C-alpha atoms as a PDB file:
ATOM      1  CA  MET A   1      -0.007   0.008  -0.016  1.00  0.00           C
ATOM      2  CA  ALA A   2       1.213   3.481  -0.753  1.00  0.00           C
ATOM      3  CA  SER A   3       2.289   5.869   1.946  1.00  0.00           C
ATOM      4  CA  SER A   4      -0.074   8.522   3.222  1.00  0.00           C
ATOM      5  CA  TYR A   5       1.947  11.236   1.500  1.00  0.00           C
ATOM      6  CA  THR A   6       1.857   9.424  -1.828  1.00  0.00           C
ATOM      7  CA  LEU A   7      -1.867   8.852  -1.591  1.00  0.00           C
ATOM      8  CA  SER A   8      -2.384  12.510  -0.649  1.00  0.00           C
ATOM      9  CA  ALA A   9      -0.349  13.676  -3.632  1.00  0.00           C
ATOM     10  CA  LEU A  10      -2.183  11.292  -5.933  1.00  0.00           C
ATOM     11  CA  ARG A  11      -5.542  12.383  -4.624  1.00  0.00           C
ATOM     12  CA  HIS A  12      -4.593  16.017  -5.255  1.00  0.00           C
ATOM     13  CA  GLN A  13      -3.567  15.152  -8.866  1.00  0.00           C
ATOM     14  CA  LEU A  14      -6.792  13.213  -9.401  1.00  0.00           C
ATOM     15  CA  ASP A  15      -8.890  16.044  -8.012  1.00  0.00           C
ATOM     16  CA  ALA A  16      -7.210  18.579 -10.282  1.00  0.00           C
ATOM     17  CA  ARG A  17      -7.695  16.283 -13.312  1.00  0.00           C
ATOM     18  CA  ALA A  18     -11.363  15.837 -12.405  1.00  0.00           C
ATOM     19  CA  VAL A  19     -11.841  19.652 -12.322  1.00  0.00           C
ATOM     20  CA  GLN A  20     -10.186  19.877 -15.714  1.00  0.00           C
ATOM     21  CA  LEU A  21     -12.405  17.140 -17.140  1.00  0.00           C
ATOM     22  CA  HIS A  22     -15.568  18.755 -15.784  1.00  0.00           C
ATOM     23  CA  GLN A  23     -14.502  21.978 -17.529  1.00  0.00           C
ATOM     24  CA  GLU A  24     -13.805  20.219 -20.793  1.00  0.00           C
ATOM     25  CA  ILE A  25     -17.116  18.374 -20.732  1.00  0.00           C
ATOM     26  CA  ALA A  26     -19.007  21.605 -19.911  1.00  0.00           C
ATOM     27  CA  ALA A  27     -17.168  23.406 -22.807  1.00  0.00           C
ATOM     28  CA  SER A  28     -18.044  20.607 -25.206  1.00  0.00           C
ATOM     29  CA  LYS A  29     -21.696  20.754 -24.218  1.00  0.00           C
ATOM     30  CA  ALA A  30     -21.701  24.519 -24.587  1.00  0.00           C
ATOM     31  CA  ARG A  31     -20.267  24.241 -28.169  1.00  0.00           C
ATOM     32  CA  VAL A  32     -23.018  21.806 -29.099  1.00  0.00           C
ATOM     33  CA  VAL A  33     -25.715  24.216 -27.814  1.00  0.00           C
ATOM     34  CA  THR A  34     -24.194  27.390 -29.275  1.00  0.00           C
ATOM     35  CA  ASP A  35     -22.988  25.912 -32.560  1.00  0.00           C
ATOM     36  CA  PRO A  36     -25.827  23.781 -33.906  1.00  0.00           C
ATOM     37  CA  ALA A  37     -25.347  21.988 -37.208  1.00  0.00           C
ATOM     38  CA  GLU A  38     -26.510  23.775 -40.351  1.00  0.00           C
ATOM     39  CA  PRO A  39     -29.824  22.751 -41.783  1.00  0.00           C
ATOM     40  CA  ALA A  40     -29.473  20.190 -44.590  1.00  0.00           C
ATOM     41  CA  GLU A  41     -30.449  22.716 -47.286  1.00  0.00           C
ATOM     42  CA  GLN A  42     -27.533  24.983 -46.437  1.00  0.00           C
ATOM     43  CA  GLY A  43     -23.912  24.282 -47.398  1.00  0.00           C
ATOM     44  CA  ASP A  44     -22.642  21.714 -49.751  1.00  0.00           C
ATOM     45  CA  ARG A  45     -22.242  18.014 -49.069  1.00  0.00           C
ATOM     46  CA  ARG A  46     -18.558  18.368 -48.323  1.00  0.00           C
ATOM     47  CA  GLU A  47     -19.245  20.967 -45.548  1.00  0.00           C
ATOM     48  CA  GLN A  48     -21.980  18.780 -44.139  1.00  0.00           C
ATOM     49  CA  ALA A  49     -19.685  15.737 -44.115  1.00  0.00           C
ATOM     50  CA  GLU A  50     -16.909  17.734 -42.443  1.00  0.00           C
ATOM     51  CA  ALA A  51     -19.367  19.013 -39.833  1.00  0.00           C
ATOM     52  CA  GLN A  52     -20.597  15.449 -39.163  1.00  0.00           C
ATOM     53  CA  ALA A  53     -17.021  14.234 -38.824  1.00  0.00           C
ATOM     54  CA  ARG A  54     -16.266  16.997 -36.304  1.00  0.00           C
ATOM     55  CA  ASP A  55     -19.364  16.047 -34.337  1.00  0.00           C
ATOM     56  CA  VAL A  56     -18.338  12.381 -34.216  1.00  0.00           C
ATOM     57  CA  VAL A  57     -14.865  13.323 -33.011  1.00  0.00           C
ATOM     58  CA  ALA A  58     -16.310  15.743 -30.416  1.00  0.00           C
ATOM     59  CA  ASP A  59     -18.748  13.098 -29.168  1.00  0.00           C
ATOM     60  CA  GLY A  60     -15.884  10.544 -28.874  1.00  0.00           C
ATOM     61  CA  GLU A  61     -13.704  13.057 -27.018  1.00  0.00           C
ATOM     62  CA  MET A  62     -16.545  13.854 -24.576  1.00  0.00           C
ATOM     63  CA  GLU A  63     -17.242  10.169 -23.983  1.00  0.00           C
ATOM     64  CA  ARG A  64     -13.507   9.582 -23.366  1.00  0.00           C
ATOM     65  CA  ASP A  65     -13.501  12.435 -20.878  1.00  0.00           C
ATOM     66  CA  ARG A  66     -16.527  11.004 -19.109  1.00  0.00           C
ATOM     67  CA  ALA A  67     -14.944   7.567 -18.879  1.00  0.00           C
ATOM     68  CA  GLU A  68     -11.735   9.041 -17.453  1.00  0.00           C
ATOM     69  CA  LEU A  69     -13.809  11.001 -14.955  1.00  0.00           C
ATOM     70  CA  ARG A  70     -15.658   7.836 -13.859  1.00  0.00           C
ATOM     71  CA  ASP A  71     -12.255   6.153 -13.380  1.00  0.00           C
ATOM     72  CA  ILE A  72     -10.996   9.068 -11.295  1.00  0.00           C
ATOM     73  CA  ILE A  73     -14.068   9.043  -9.083  1.00  0.00           C
ATOM     74  CA  ALA A  74     -13.772   5.289  -8.521  1.00  0.00           C
ATOM     75  CA  THR A  75     -10.061   5.649  -7.722  1.00  0.00           C
ATOM     76  CA  CYS A  76     -10.752   8.437  -5.209  1.00  0.00           C
ATOM     77  CA  GLN A  77     -13.462   6.299  -3.571  1.00  0.00           C
ATOM     78  CA  ARG A  78     -10.951   3.405  -3.261  1.00  0.00           C
ATOM     79  CA  ILE A  79      -8.420   5.809  -1.706  1.00  0.00           C
ATOM     80  CA  ASP A  80     -11.031   7.104   0.747  1.00  0.00           C
ATOM     81  CA  LEU A  81     -12.049   3.503   1.728  1.00  0.00           C
ATOM     82  CA  GLY A  82      -8.436   2.429   2.161  1.00  0.00           C
ATOM     83  CA  LEU A  83      -8.726  -0.071  -0.680  1.00  0.00           C
ATOM     84  CA  TYR A  84      -6.446   1.666  -3.169  1.00  0.00           C
ATOM     85  CA  GLY A  85      -3.576  -0.480  -4.421  1.00  0.00           C
ATOM     86  CA  THR A  86      -5.310  -3.775  -3.643  1.00  0.00           C
ATOM     87  CA  CYS A  87      -6.384  -6.084  -6.420  1.00  0.00           C
ATOM     88  CA  ILE A  88     -10.123  -6.498  -6.545  1.00  0.00           C
ATOM     89  CA  ASP A  89      -9.778 -10.171  -7.591  1.00  0.00           C
ATOM     90  CA  CYS A  90      -7.040 -11.634  -5.419  1.00  0.00           C
ATOM     91  CA  ASP A  91      -6.732  -9.014  -2.625  1.00  0.00           C
ATOM     92  CA  GLN A  92      -2.915  -8.828  -3.218  1.00  0.00           C
ATOM     93  CA  SER A  93      -1.110  -5.526  -3.480  1.00  0.00           C
ATOM     94  CA  ILE A  94      -0.900  -4.013  -6.949  1.00  0.00           C
ATOM     95  CA  PRO A  95       2.786  -3.132  -7.665  1.00  0.00           C
ATOM     96  CA  ALA A  96       3.636   0.546  -7.299  1.00  0.00           C
ATOM     97  CA  GLN A  97       5.111   0.600 -10.852  1.00  0.00           C
ATOM     98  CA  ARG A  98       1.724  -0.504 -12.256  1.00  0.00           C
ATOM     99  CA  LEU A  99      -0.080   2.139 -10.260  1.00  0.00           C
ATOM    100  CA  GLN A 100       2.315   4.839 -11.439  1.00  0.00           C
ATOM    101  CA  VAL A 101       1.622   3.942 -15.042  1.00  0.00           C
ATOM    102  CA  GLN A 102      -2.158   3.391 -14.578  1.00  0.00           C
ATOM    103  CA  PRO A 103      -3.349   4.943 -11.271  1.00  0.00           C
ATOM    104  CA  ALA A 104      -6.920   3.631 -11.839  1.00  0.00           C
ATOM    105  CA  SER A 105      -5.736   0.010 -11.967  1.00  0.00           C
ATOM    106  CA  LEU A 106      -8.140  -2.331 -10.195  1.00  0.00           C
ATOM    107  CA  ARG A 107      -6.181  -5.522 -10.688  1.00  0.00           C
ATOM    108  CA  CYS A 108      -2.631  -6.794 -10.362  1.00  0.00           C
ATOM    109  CA  LEU A 109      -0.946  -7.816 -13.610  1.00  0.00           C
ATOM    110  CA  ALA A 110      -1.714 -11.519 -13.153  1.00  0.00           C
ATOM    111  CA  CYS A 111      -5.401 -10.991 -12.584  1.00  0.00           C
ATOM    112  CA  GLN A 112      -5.629  -8.399 -15.380  1.00  0.00           C
ATOM    113  CA  GLY A 113      -3.989 -10.909 -17.721  1.00  0.00           C
ATOM    114  CA  LYS A 114      -6.483 -13.598 -16.732  1.00  0.00           C
ATOM    115  CA  LEU A 115      -9.401 -11.191 -17.309  1.00  0.00           C
ATOM    116  CA  GLU A 116      -8.089 -10.193 -20.744  1.00  0.00           C
ATOM    117  CA  HIS A 117      -7.463 -13.856 -21.663  1.00  0.00           C
ATOM    118  CA  ARG A 118     -11.023 -14.768 -20.729  1.00  0.00           C
ATOM    119  CA  SER A 119     -12.319 -11.759 -22.635  1.00  0.00           C
ATOM    120  CA  GLN A 120     -10.413 -12.725 -25.724  1.00  0.00           C
ATOM    121  CA  GLY A 121     -11.690 -16.278 -25.540  1.00  0.00           C
ATOM    122  CA  ALA A 122     -15.250 -15.062 -25.361  1.00  0.00           C
ATOM    123  CA  HIS A 123     -14.779 -12.747 -28.423  1.00  0.00           C
ATOM    124  CA  GLY A 124     -12.386 -14.749 -30.508  1.00  0.00           C
END
């Protein structure tokens, strides 16, 4: 388990990133409201296709931001409950190197590998 200082620093970083994500999501929503797509009769097909492509990218970015925010919230809850750094499958400590690379990790490498193997078997 990480030290109190390390968890405090991580929590501070996660809180700052959450604020940033909330702002990005709000800005994305505001752009959608203030910049509606042109009616179909205006602009040529190329402009319409470009506008649709921008909308798809913007929607993907907003969903990615929302997913990251959900991960941050879950990680903060695990910190608050004293569960951070413990694998949800085997209850063993998740190595610090893994948490540094992926702070929202829920599983140790062995359990994550098993999960991915099972998932590949179900889809492949």
